[in-house]
Amino acid sequence: MGRTNPTYRDRLSTIEDEWGAYRRALRREDQYILDHLFVYARDHADAAGCLNHSDPLAPIWMSIALEQDRRISELEARIGDLSDE
Protein backbone atom coordinates (compact mmCIF):
# COMPACT_ATOMS: atom_id res chain seq x y z
CA MET A 1 0.00 0.00 0.00
CA GLY A 2 1.13 3.57 -0.69
CA ARG A 3 1.45 6.41 1.75
CA THR A 4 -1.79 8.08 2.74
CA ASN A 5 -0.23 11.11 4.42
CA PRO A 6 1.40 13.85 2.35
CA THR A 7 5.11 14.35 2.88
CA TYR A 8 6.37 17.49 4.57
CA ARG A 9 7.68 18.76 1.24
CA ASP A 10 4.20 18.30 -0.25
CA ARG A 11 2.66 20.22 2.66
CA LEU A 12 5.27 22.97 2.30
CA SER A 13 4.50 23.30 -1.40
CA THR A 14 0.77 23.56 -0.59
CA ILE A 15 1.44 26.25 2.03
CA GLU A 16 3.60 28.20 -0.40
CA ASP A 17 0.78 28.04 -2.97
CA GLU A 18 -1.73 29.23 -0.34
CA TRP A 19 0.44 32.30 0.30
CA GLY A 20 0.48 33.11 -3.43
CA ALA A 21 -2.11 35.91 -3.24
CA TYR A 22 -0.19 37.50 -0.36
CA ARG A 23 3.04 37.26 -2.35
CA ARG A 24 1.47 38.90 -5.40
CA ALA A 25 0.25 41.79 -3.21
CA LEU A 26 3.77 42.50 -1.95
CA ARG A 27 6.18 44.93 -3.58
CA ARG A 28 8.58 43.21 -5.96
CA GLU A 29 11.57 43.52 -3.60
CA ASP A 30 9.51 41.99 -0.79
CA GLN A 31 8.42 39.12 -3.03
CA TYR A 32 12.07 38.18 -3.36
CA ILE A 33 12.45 38.18 0.43
CA LEU A 34 9.36 36.02 0.92
CA ASP A 35 10.66 33.58 -1.70
CA HIS A 36 13.94 33.42 0.18
CA LEU A 37 12.14 32.60 3.44
CA PHE A 38 10.55 29.61 1.75
CA VAL A 39 14.02 28.56 0.58
CA TYR A 40 15.03 28.44 4.25
CA ALA A 41 12.04 26.19 4.95
CA ARG A 42 12.94 23.89 2.05
CA ASP A 43 16.57 23.74 3.22
CA HIS A 44 15.38 22.29 6.54
CA ALA A 45 12.66 20.04 5.10
CA ASP A 46 14.47 16.83 6.07
CA ALA A 47 14.53 17.80 9.75
CA ALA A 48 10.97 19.14 9.60
CA GLY A 49 9.75 15.90 8.05
CA CYS A 50 11.26 13.94 10.94
CA LEU A 51 9.40 16.16 13.40
CA ASN A 52 5.98 15.30 11.94
CA HIS A 53 4.42 18.28 13.75
CA SER A 54 0.65 18.63 13.67
CA ASP A 55 1.01 22.27 12.57
CA PRO A 56 3.10 22.41 9.39
CA LEU A 57 3.79 26.13 9.90
CA ALA A 58 5.70 25.52 13.16
CA PRO A 59 8.75 23.93 11.47
CA ILE A 60 8.62 26.62 8.78
CA TRP A 61 8.93 29.39 11.38
CA MET A 62 11.69 27.48 13.20
CA SER A 63 13.61 26.95 9.94
CA ILE A 64 13.37 30.67 9.17
CA ALA A 65 14.50 31.56 12.71
CA LEU A 66 17.46 29.16 12.50
CA GLU A 67 18.65 30.54 9.19
CA GLN A 68 18.23 34.16 10.23
CA ASP A 69 20.11 33.54 13.48
CA ARG A 70 22.89 31.84 11.52
CA ARG A 71 23.09 34.83 9.18
CA ILE A 72 23.17 37.28 12.11
CA SER A 73 25.99 35.28 13.74
CA GLU A 74 27.98 35.32 10.50
CA LEU A 75 27.51 39.09 10.13
CA GLU A 76 28.53 39.68 13.76
CA ALA A 77 31.66 37.63 13.18
CA ARG A 78 32.48 39.65 10.06
CA ILE A 79 31.96 42.90 11.95
CA GLY A 80 34.21 41.59 14.70
CA ASP A 81 36.89 40.76 12.16
CA LEU A 82 36.64 44.21 10.56
CA SER A 83 36.85 46.02 13.90
CA ASP A 84 39.96 43.99 14.81
CA GLU A 85 41.76 45.27 11.72
PDB file of N, CA and C in Angstrom:
ATOM      1  N   MET A   1       0.834  -1.191   0.000  1.00  0.00           N
ATOM      2  CA  MET A   1       0.000   0.000   0.000  1.00  0.00           C
ATOM      3  C   MET A   1       0.882   1.259   0.000  1.00  0.00           C
ATOM      4  N   GLY A   2       0.400   2.307  -0.636  1.00  0.00           N
ATOM      5  CA  GLY A   2       1.129   3.569  -0.687  1.00  0.00           C
ATOM      6  C   GLY A   2       0.875   4.410   0.547  1.00  0.00           C
ATOM      7  N   ARG A   3       1.614   5.483   0.623  1.00  0.00           N
ATOM      8  CA  ARG A   3       1.452   6.408   1.746  1.00  0.00           C
ATOM      9  C   ARG A   3       0.124   7.148   1.621  1.00  0.00           C
ATOM     10  N   THR A   4      -0.538   7.326   2.748  1.00  0.00           N
ATOM     11  CA  THR A   4      -1.792   8.077   2.736  1.00  0.00           C
ATOM     12  C   THR A   4      -1.605   9.505   3.224  1.00  0.00           C
ATOM     13  N   ASN A   5      -0.504   9.764   3.914  1.00  0.00           N
ATOM     14  CA  ASN A   5      -0.235  11.106   4.418  1.00  0.00           C
ATOM     15  C   ASN A   5       0.716  11.827   3.469  1.00  0.00           C
ATOM     16  N   PRO A   6       0.459  13.113   3.215  1.00  0.00           N
ATOM     17  CA  PRO A   6       1.396  13.855   2.354  1.00  0.00           C
ATOM     18  C   PRO A   6       2.735  14.047   3.071  1.00  0.00           C
ATOM     19  N   THR A   7       3.798  14.108   2.296  1.00  0.00           N
ATOM     20  CA  THR A   7       5.109  14.355   2.879  1.00  0.00           C
ATOM     21  C   THR A   7       5.188  15.811   3.332  1.00  0.00           C
ATOM     22  N   TYR A   8       6.192  16.114   4.133  1.00  0.00           N
ATOM     23  CA  TYR A   8       6.369  17.494   4.573  1.00  0.00           C
ATOM     24  C   TYR A   8       6.621  18.404   3.378  1.00  0.00           C
ATOM     25  N   ARG A   9       7.403  17.943   2.431  1.00  0.00           N
ATOM     26  CA  ARG A   9       7.684  18.759   1.238  1.00  0.00           C
ATOM     27  C   ARG A   9       6.395  19.055   0.461  1.00  0.00           C
ATOM     28  N   ASP A  10       5.492  18.072   0.398  1.00  0.00           N
ATOM     29  CA  ASP A  10       4.196  18.302  -0.249  1.00  0.00           C
ATOM     30  C   ASP A  10       3.394  19.350   0.513  1.00  0.00           C
ATOM     31  N   ARG A  11       3.382  19.245   1.838  1.00  0.00           N
ATOM     32  CA  ARG A  11       2.659  20.221   2.659  1.00  0.00           C
ATOM     33  C   ARG A  11       3.264  21.606   2.516  1.00  0.00           C
ATOM     34  N   LEU A  12       4.591  21.682   2.467  1.00  0.00           N
ATOM     35  CA  LEU A  12       5.274  22.966   2.302  1.00  0.00           C
ATOM     36  C   LEU A  12       4.903  23.597   0.967  1.00  0.00           C
ATOM     37  N   SER A  13       4.875  22.795  -0.077  1.00  0.00           N
ATOM     38  CA  SER A  13       4.496  23.299  -1.396  1.00  0.00           C
ATOM     39  C   SER A  13       3.061  23.830  -1.384  1.00  0.00           C
ATOM     40  N   THR A  14       2.163  23.122  -0.709  1.00  0.00           N
ATOM     41  CA  THR A  14       0.773  23.559  -0.594  1.00  0.00           C
ATOM     42  C   THR A  14       0.685  24.882   0.156  1.00  0.00           C
ATOM     43  N   ILE A  15       1.442  25.010   1.240  1.00  0.00           N
ATOM     44  CA  ILE A  15       1.441  26.246   2.028  1.00  0.00           C
ATOM     45  C   ILE A  15       1.975  27.400   1.183  1.00  0.00           C
ATOM     46  N   GLU A  16       3.036  27.152   0.452  1.00  0.00           N
ATOM     47  CA  GLU A  16       3.597  28.197  -0.405  1.00  0.00           C
ATOM     48  C   GLU A  16       2.572  28.640  -1.446  1.00  0.00           C
ATOM     49  N   ASP A  17       1.835  27.695  -2.003  1.00  0.00           N
ATOM     50  CA  ASP A  17       0.778  28.036  -2.968  1.00  0.00           C
ATOM     51  C   ASP A  17      -0.331  28.859  -2.304  1.00  0.00           C
ATOM     52  N   GLU A  18      -0.681  28.509  -1.060  1.00  0.00           N
ATOM     53  CA  GLU A  18      -1.729  29.232  -0.338  1.00  0.00           C
ATOM     54  C   GLU A  18      -1.346  30.685  -0.084  1.00  0.00           C
ATOM     55  N   TRP A  19      -0.046  30.947   0.047  1.00  0.00           N
ATOM     56  CA  TRP A  19       0.442  32.296   0.295  1.00  0.00           C
ATOM     57  C   TRP A  19       0.651  33.071  -1.008  1.00  0.00           C
ATOM     58  N   GLY A  20       0.254  32.491  -2.133  1.00  0.00           N
ATOM     59  CA  GLY A  20       0.477  33.108  -3.435  1.00  0.00           C
ATOM     60  C   GLY A  20      -0.176  34.470  -3.586  1.00  0.00           C
ATOM     61  N   ALA A  21      -1.418  34.618  -3.125  1.00  0.00           N
ATOM     62  CA  ALA A  21      -2.113  35.907  -3.236  1.00  0.00           C
ATOM     63  C   ALA A  21      -1.400  36.967  -2.397  1.00  0.00           C
ATOM     64  N   TYR A  22      -0.944  36.575  -1.219  1.00  0.00           N
ATOM     65  CA  TYR A  22      -0.193  37.501  -0.359  1.00  0.00           C
ATOM     66  C   TYR A  22       1.094  37.933  -1.064  1.00  0.00           C
ATOM     67  N   ARG A  23       1.785  36.959  -1.661  1.00  0.00           N
ATOM     68  CA  ARG A  23       3.036  37.259  -2.354  1.00  0.00           C
ATOM     69  C   ARG A  23       2.806  38.247  -3.490  1.00  0.00           C
ATOM     70  N   ARG A  24       1.751  38.014  -4.265  1.00  0.00           N
ATOM     71  CA  ARG A  24       1.467  38.903  -5.398  1.00  0.00           C
ATOM     72  C   ARG A  24       1.131  40.320  -4.933  1.00  0.00           C
ATOM     73  N   ALA A  25       0.601  40.473  -3.724  1.00  0.00           N
ATOM     74  CA  ALA A  25       0.246  41.790  -3.208  1.00  0.00           C
ATOM     75  C   ALA A  25       1.455  42.555  -2.664  1.00  0.00           C
ATOM     76  N   LEU A  26       2.566  41.855  -2.461  1.00  0.00           N
ATOM     77  CA  LEU A  26       3.772  42.502  -1.951  1.00  0.00           C
ATOM     78  C   LEU A  26       4.485  43.277  -3.051  1.00  0.00           C
ATOM     79  N   ARG A  27       5.292  44.259  -2.626  1.00  0.00           N
ATOM     80  CA  ARG A  27       6.179  44.926  -3.580  1.00  0.00           C
ATOM     81  C   ARG A  27       7.174  43.908  -4.111  1.00  0.00           C
ATOM     82  N   ARG A  28       7.681  44.164  -5.300  1.00  0.00           N
ATOM     83  CA  ARG A  28       8.576  43.210  -5.961  1.00  0.00           C
ATOM     84  C   ARG A  28       9.776  42.836  -5.091  1.00  0.00           C
ATOM     85  N   GLU A  29      10.391  43.824  -4.437  1.00  0.00           N
ATOM     86  CA  GLU A  29      11.565  43.520  -3.605  1.00  0.00           C
ATOM     87  C   GLU A  29      11.184  42.658  -2.400  1.00  0.00           C
ATOM     88  N   ASP A  30       9.960  42.817  -1.901  1.00  0.00           N
ATOM     89  CA  ASP A  30       9.507  41.993  -0.786  1.00  0.00           C
ATOM     90  C   ASP A  30       9.124  40.585  -1.245  1.00  0.00           C
ATOM     91  N   GLN A  31       8.705  40.452  -2.487  1.00  0.00           N
ATOM     92  CA  GLN A  31       8.416  39.121  -3.030  1.00  0.00           C
ATOM     93  C   GLN A  31       9.680  38.265  -3.012  1.00  0.00           C
ATOM     94  N   TYR A  32      10.792  38.882  -3.374  1.00  0.00           N
ATOM     95  CA  TYR A  32      12.069  38.177  -3.355  1.00  0.00           C
ATOM     96  C   TYR A  32      12.401  37.699  -1.937  1.00  0.00           C
ATOM     97  N   ILE A  33      12.157  38.544  -0.957  1.00  0.00           N
ATOM     98  CA  ILE A  33      12.449  38.184   0.430  1.00  0.00           C
ATOM     99  C   ILE A  33      11.560  37.034   0.879  1.00  0.00           C
ATOM    100  N   LEU A  34      10.277  37.103   0.556  1.00  0.00           N
ATOM    101  CA  LEU A  34       9.358  36.017   0.917  1.00  0.00           C
ATOM    102  C   LEU A  34       9.800  34.709   0.254  1.00  0.00           C
ATOM    103  N   ASP A  35      10.169  34.778  -1.002  1.00  0.00           N
ATOM    104  CA  ASP A  35      10.658  33.580  -1.696  1.00  0.00           C
ATOM    105  C   ASP A  35      11.865  32.996  -0.970  1.00  0.00           C
ATOM    106  N   HIS A  36      12.738  33.867  -0.512  1.00  0.00           N
ATOM    107  CA  HIS A  36      13.943  33.416   0.179  1.00  0.00           C
ATOM    108  C   HIS A  36      13.598  32.751   1.512  1.00  0.00           C
ATOM    109  N   LEU A  37      12.564  33.231   2.190  1.00  0.00           N
ATOM    110  CA  LEU A  37      12.143  32.599   3.443  1.00  0.00           C
ATOM    111  C   LEU A  37      11.664  31.174   3.191  1.00  0.00           C
ATOM    112  N   PHE A  38      10.975  30.967   2.081  1.00  0.00           N
ATOM    113  CA  PHE A  38      10.549  29.609   1.748  1.00  0.00           C
ATOM    114  C   PHE A  38      11.738  28.727   1.371  1.00  0.00           C
ATOM    115  N   VAL A  39      12.801  29.328   0.837  1.00  0.00           N
ATOM    116  CA  VAL A  39      14.022  28.564   0.581  1.00  0.00           C
ATOM    117  C   VAL A  39      14.578  28.043   1.902  1.00  0.00           C
ATOM    118  N   TYR A  40      14.579  28.882   2.926  1.00  0.00           N
ATOM    119  CA  TYR A  40      15.028  28.439   4.255  1.00  0.00           C
ATOM    120  C   TYR A  40      14.212  27.235   4.712  1.00  0.00           C
ATOM    121  N   ALA A  41      12.902  27.293   4.535  1.00  0.00           N
ATOM    122  CA  ALA A  41      12.038  26.188   4.954  1.00  0.00           C
ATOM    123  C   ALA A  41      12.362  24.922   4.159  1.00  0.00           C
ATOM    124  N   ARG A  42      12.595  25.056   2.864  1.00  0.00           N
ATOM    125  CA  ARG A  42      12.942  23.890   2.051  1.00  0.00           C
ATOM    126  C   ARG A  42      14.306  23.321   2.434  1.00  0.00           C
ATOM    127  N   ASP A  43      15.239  24.199   2.806  1.00  0.00           N
ATOM    128  CA  ASP A  43      16.568  23.740   3.216  1.00  0.00           C
ATOM    129  C   ASP A  43      16.523  22.868   4.469  1.00  0.00           C
ATOM    130  N   HIS A  44      15.506  23.059   5.289  1.00  0.00           N
ATOM    131  CA  HIS A  44      15.379  22.294   6.536  1.00  0.00           C
ATOM    132  C   HIS A  44      14.240  21.281   6.464  1.00  0.00           C
ATOM    133  N   ALA A  45      13.802  20.939   5.261  1.00  0.00           N
ATOM    134  CA  ALA A  45      12.660  20.044   5.097  1.00  0.00           C
ATOM    135  C   ALA A  45      12.940  18.637   5.636  1.00  0.00           C
ATOM    136  N   ASP A  46      14.173  18.169   5.547  1.00  0.00           N
ATOM    137  CA  ASP A  46      14.473  16.830   6.072  1.00  0.00           C
ATOM    138  C   ASP A  46      14.232  16.769   7.574  1.00  0.00           C
ATOM    139  N   ALA A  47      14.733  17.765   8.296  1.00  0.00           N
ATOM    140  CA  ALA A  47      14.531  17.802   9.747  1.00  0.00           C
ATOM    141  C   ALA A  47      13.057  18.004  10.085  1.00  0.00           C
ATOM    142  N   ALA A  48      12.385  18.875   9.340  1.00  0.00           N
ATOM    143  CA  ALA A  48      10.966  19.137   9.596  1.00  0.00           C
ATOM    144  C   ALA A  48      10.121  17.894   9.335  1.00  0.00           C
ATOM    145  N   GLY A  49      10.480  17.127   8.328  1.00  0.00           N
ATOM    146  CA  GLY A  49       9.753  15.896   8.046  1.00  0.00           C
ATOM    147  C   GLY A  49       9.901  14.876   9.149  1.00  0.00           C
ATOM    148  N   CYS A  50      11.053  14.850   9.809  1.00  0.00           N
ATOM    149  CA  CYS A  50      11.259  13.940  10.944  1.00  0.00           C
ATOM    150  C   CYS A  50      10.427  14.360  12.149  1.00  0.00           C
ATOM    151  N   LEU A  51      10.173  15.651  12.268  1.00  0.00           N
ATOM    152  CA  LEU A  51       9.399  16.165  13.402  1.00  0.00           C
ATOM    153  C   LEU A  51       7.950  15.709  13.331  1.00  0.00           C
ATOM    154  N   ASN A  52       7.365  15.705  12.141  1.00  0.00           N
ATOM    155  CA  ASN A  52       5.978  15.304  11.941  1.00  0.00           C
ATOM    156  C   ASN A  52       5.034  16.083  12.865  1.00  0.00           C
ATOM    157  N   HIS A  53       5.217  17.389  12.904  1.00  0.00           N
ATOM    158  CA  HIS A  53       4.423  18.275  13.754  1.00  0.00           C
ATOM    159  C   HIS A  53       3.007  18.389  13.208  1.00  0.00           C
ATOM    160  N   SER A  54       2.043  18.522  14.106  1.00  0.00           N
ATOM    161  CA  SER A  54       0.646  18.627  13.667  1.00  0.00           C
ATOM    162  C   SER A  54       0.369  19.940  12.940  1.00  0.00           C
ATOM    163  N   ASP A  55       1.148  20.984  13.249  1.00  0.00           N
ATOM    164  CA  ASP A  55       1.011  22.275  12.574  1.00  0.00           C
ATOM    165  C   ASP A  55       2.191  22.446  11.618  1.00  0.00           C
ATOM    166  N   PRO A  56       1.970  22.336  10.314  1.00  0.00           N
ATOM    167  CA  PRO A  56       3.105  22.405   9.388  1.00  0.00           C
ATOM    168  C   PRO A  56       3.789  23.766   9.353  1.00  0.00           C
ATOM    169  N   LEU A  57       3.146  24.810   9.878  1.00  0.00           N
ATOM    170  CA  LEU A  57       3.792  26.128   9.904  1.00  0.00           C
ATOM    171  C   LEU A  57       4.865  26.220  10.991  1.00  0.00           C
ATOM    172  N   ALA A  58       4.728  25.445  12.056  1.00  0.00           N
ATOM    173  CA  ALA A  58       5.697  25.519  13.158  1.00  0.00           C
ATOM    174  C   ALA A  58       7.117  25.231  12.684  1.00  0.00           C
ATOM    175  N   PRO A  59       7.370  24.141  11.943  1.00  0.00           N
ATOM    176  CA  PRO A  59       8.747  23.931  11.473  1.00  0.00           C
ATOM    177  C   PRO A  59       9.201  24.956  10.441  1.00  0.00           C
ATOM    178  N   ILE A  60       8.251  25.558   9.722  1.00  0.00           N
ATOM    179  CA  ILE A  60       8.621  26.622   8.776  1.00  0.00           C
ATOM    180  C   ILE A  60       9.181  27.804   9.547  1.00  0.00           C
ATOM    181  N   TRP A  61       8.455  28.239  10.587  1.00  0.00           N
ATOM    182  CA  TRP A  61       8.928  29.389  11.382  1.00  0.00           C
ATOM    183  C   TRP A  61      10.260  29.078  12.046  1.00  0.00           C
ATOM    184  N   MET A  62      10.431  27.835  12.546  1.00  0.00           N
ATOM    185  CA  MET A  62      11.690  27.481  13.197  1.00  0.00           C
ATOM    186  C   MET A  62      12.828  27.460  12.174  1.00  0.00           C
ATOM    187  N   SER A  63      12.578  26.964  10.982  1.00  0.00           N
ATOM    188  CA  SER A  63      13.605  26.953   9.937  1.00  0.00           C
ATOM    189  C   SER A  63      14.041  28.371   9.591  1.00  0.00           C
ATOM    190  N   ILE A  64      13.062  29.268   9.473  1.00  0.00           N
ATOM    191  CA  ILE A  64      13.372  30.668   9.174  1.00  0.00           C
ATOM    192  C   ILE A  64      14.186  31.281  10.314  1.00  0.00           C
ATOM    193  N   ALA A  65      13.779  31.014  11.554  1.00  0.00           N
ATOM    194  CA  ALA A  65      14.498  31.563  12.707  1.00  0.00           C
ATOM    195  C   ALA A  65      15.934  31.033  12.759  1.00  0.00           C
ATOM    196  N   LEU A  66      16.118  29.745  12.500  1.00  0.00           N
ATOM    197  CA  LEU A  66      17.462  29.161  12.504  1.00  0.00           C
ATOM    198  C   LEU A  66      18.365  29.818  11.460  1.00  0.00           C
ATOM    199  N   GLU A  67      17.850  29.954  10.259  1.00  0.00           N
ATOM    200  CA  GLU A  67      18.654  30.539   9.194  1.00  0.00           C
ATOM    201  C   GLU A  67      18.956  32.015   9.456  1.00  0.00           C
ATOM    202  N   GLN A  68      17.982  32.747   9.951  1.00  0.00           N
ATOM    203  CA  GLN A  68      18.226  34.161  10.232  1.00  0.00           C
ATOM    204  C   GLN A  68      19.222  34.318  11.366  1.00  0.00           C
ATOM    205  N   ASP A  69      19.144  33.467  12.389  1.00  0.00           N
ATOM    206  CA  ASP A  69      20.108  33.544  13.482  1.00  0.00           C
ATOM    207  C   ASP A  69      21.510  33.186  12.980  1.00  0.00           C
ATOM    208  N   ARG A  70      21.589  32.193  12.099  1.00  0.00           N
ATOM    209  CA  ARG A  70      22.889  31.841  11.518  1.00  0.00           C
ATOM    210  C   ARG A  70      23.468  33.015  10.746  1.00  0.00           C
ATOM    211  N   ARG A  71      22.628  33.677   9.962  1.00  0.00           N
ATOM    212  CA  ARG A  71      23.092  34.829   9.177  1.00  0.00           C
ATOM    213  C   ARG A  71      23.537  35.973  10.094  1.00  0.00           C
ATOM    214  N   ILE A  72      22.797  36.223  11.148  1.00  0.00           N
ATOM    215  CA  ILE A  72      23.167  37.275  12.108  1.00  0.00           C
ATOM    216  C   ILE A  72      24.522  36.951  12.732  1.00  0.00           C
ATOM    217  N   SER A  73      24.718  35.689  13.134  1.00  0.00           N
ATOM    218  CA  SER A  73      25.991  35.280  13.741  1.00  0.00           C
ATOM    219  C   SER A  73      27.154  35.474  12.772  1.00  0.00           C
ATOM    220  N   GLU A  74      26.926  35.120  11.495  1.00  0.00           N
ATOM    221  CA  GLU A  74      27.977  35.319  10.496  1.00  0.00           C
ATOM    222  C   GLU A  74      28.302  36.798  10.320  1.00  0.00           C
ATOM    223  N   LEU A  75      27.284  37.643  10.280  1.00  0.00           N
ATOM    224  CA  LEU A  75      27.507  39.086  10.129  1.00  0.00           C
ATOM    225  C   LEU A  75      28.215  39.663  11.354  1.00  0.00           C
ATOM    226  N   GLU A  76      27.851  39.208  12.545  1.00  0.00           N
ATOM    227  CA  GLU A  76      28.527  39.676  13.756  1.00  0.00           C
ATOM    228  C   GLU A  76      30.000  39.278  13.743  1.00  0.00           C
ATOM    229  N   ALA A  77      30.270  38.077  13.265  1.00  0.00           N
ATOM    230  CA  ALA A  77      31.664  37.627  13.176  1.00  0.00           C
ATOM    231  C   ALA A  77      32.437  38.484  12.177  1.00  0.00           C
ATOM    232  N   ARG A  78      31.819  38.795  11.047  1.00  0.00           N
ATOM    233  CA  ARG A  78      32.483  39.649  10.055  1.00  0.00           C
ATOM    234  C   ARG A  78      32.734  41.040  10.609  1.00  0.00           C
ATOM    235  N   ILE A  79      31.769  41.589  11.343  1.00  0.00           N
ATOM    236  CA  ILE A  79      31.956  42.899  11.953  1.00  0.00           C
ATOM    237  C   ILE A  79      33.088  42.840  12.973  1.00  0.00           C
ATOM    238  N   GLY A  80      33.132  41.755  13.737  1.00  0.00           N
ATOM    239  CA  GLY A  80      34.214  41.594  14.704  1.00  0.00           C
ATOM    240  C   GLY A  80      35.572  41.533  14.028  1.00  0.00           C
ATOM    241  N   ASP A  81      35.627  40.834  12.896  1.00  0.00           N
ATOM    242  CA  ASP A  81      36.887  40.759  12.159  1.00  0.00           C
ATOM    243  C   ASP A  81      37.293  42.113  11.611  1.00  0.00           C
ATOM    244  N   LEU A  82      36.342  42.882  11.110  1.00  0.00           N
ATOM    245  CA  LEU A  82      36.641  44.206  10.562  1.00  0.00           C
ATOM    246  C   LEU A  82      37.077  45.178  11.664  1.00  0.00           C
ATOM    247  N   SER A  83      36.488  45.079  12.832  1.00  0.00           N
ATOM    248  CA  SER A  83      36.847  46.015  13.902  1.00  0.00           C
ATOM    249  C   SER A  83      38.203  45.644  14.519  1.00  0.00           C
ATOM    250  N   ASP A  84      38.641  44.379  14.332  1.00  0.00           N
ATOM    251  CA  ASP A  84      39.958  43.991  14.814  1.00  0.00           C
ATOM    252  C   ASP A  84      41.075  44.511  13.912  1.00  0.00           C
ATOM    253  N   GLU A  85      40.733  44.823  12.671  1.00  0.00           N
ATOM    254  CA  GLU A  85      41.762  45.267  11.724  1.00  0.00           C
ATOM    255  C   GLU A  85      42.200  46.681  11.967  1.00  0.00           C
TER     256      GLU A  85
END
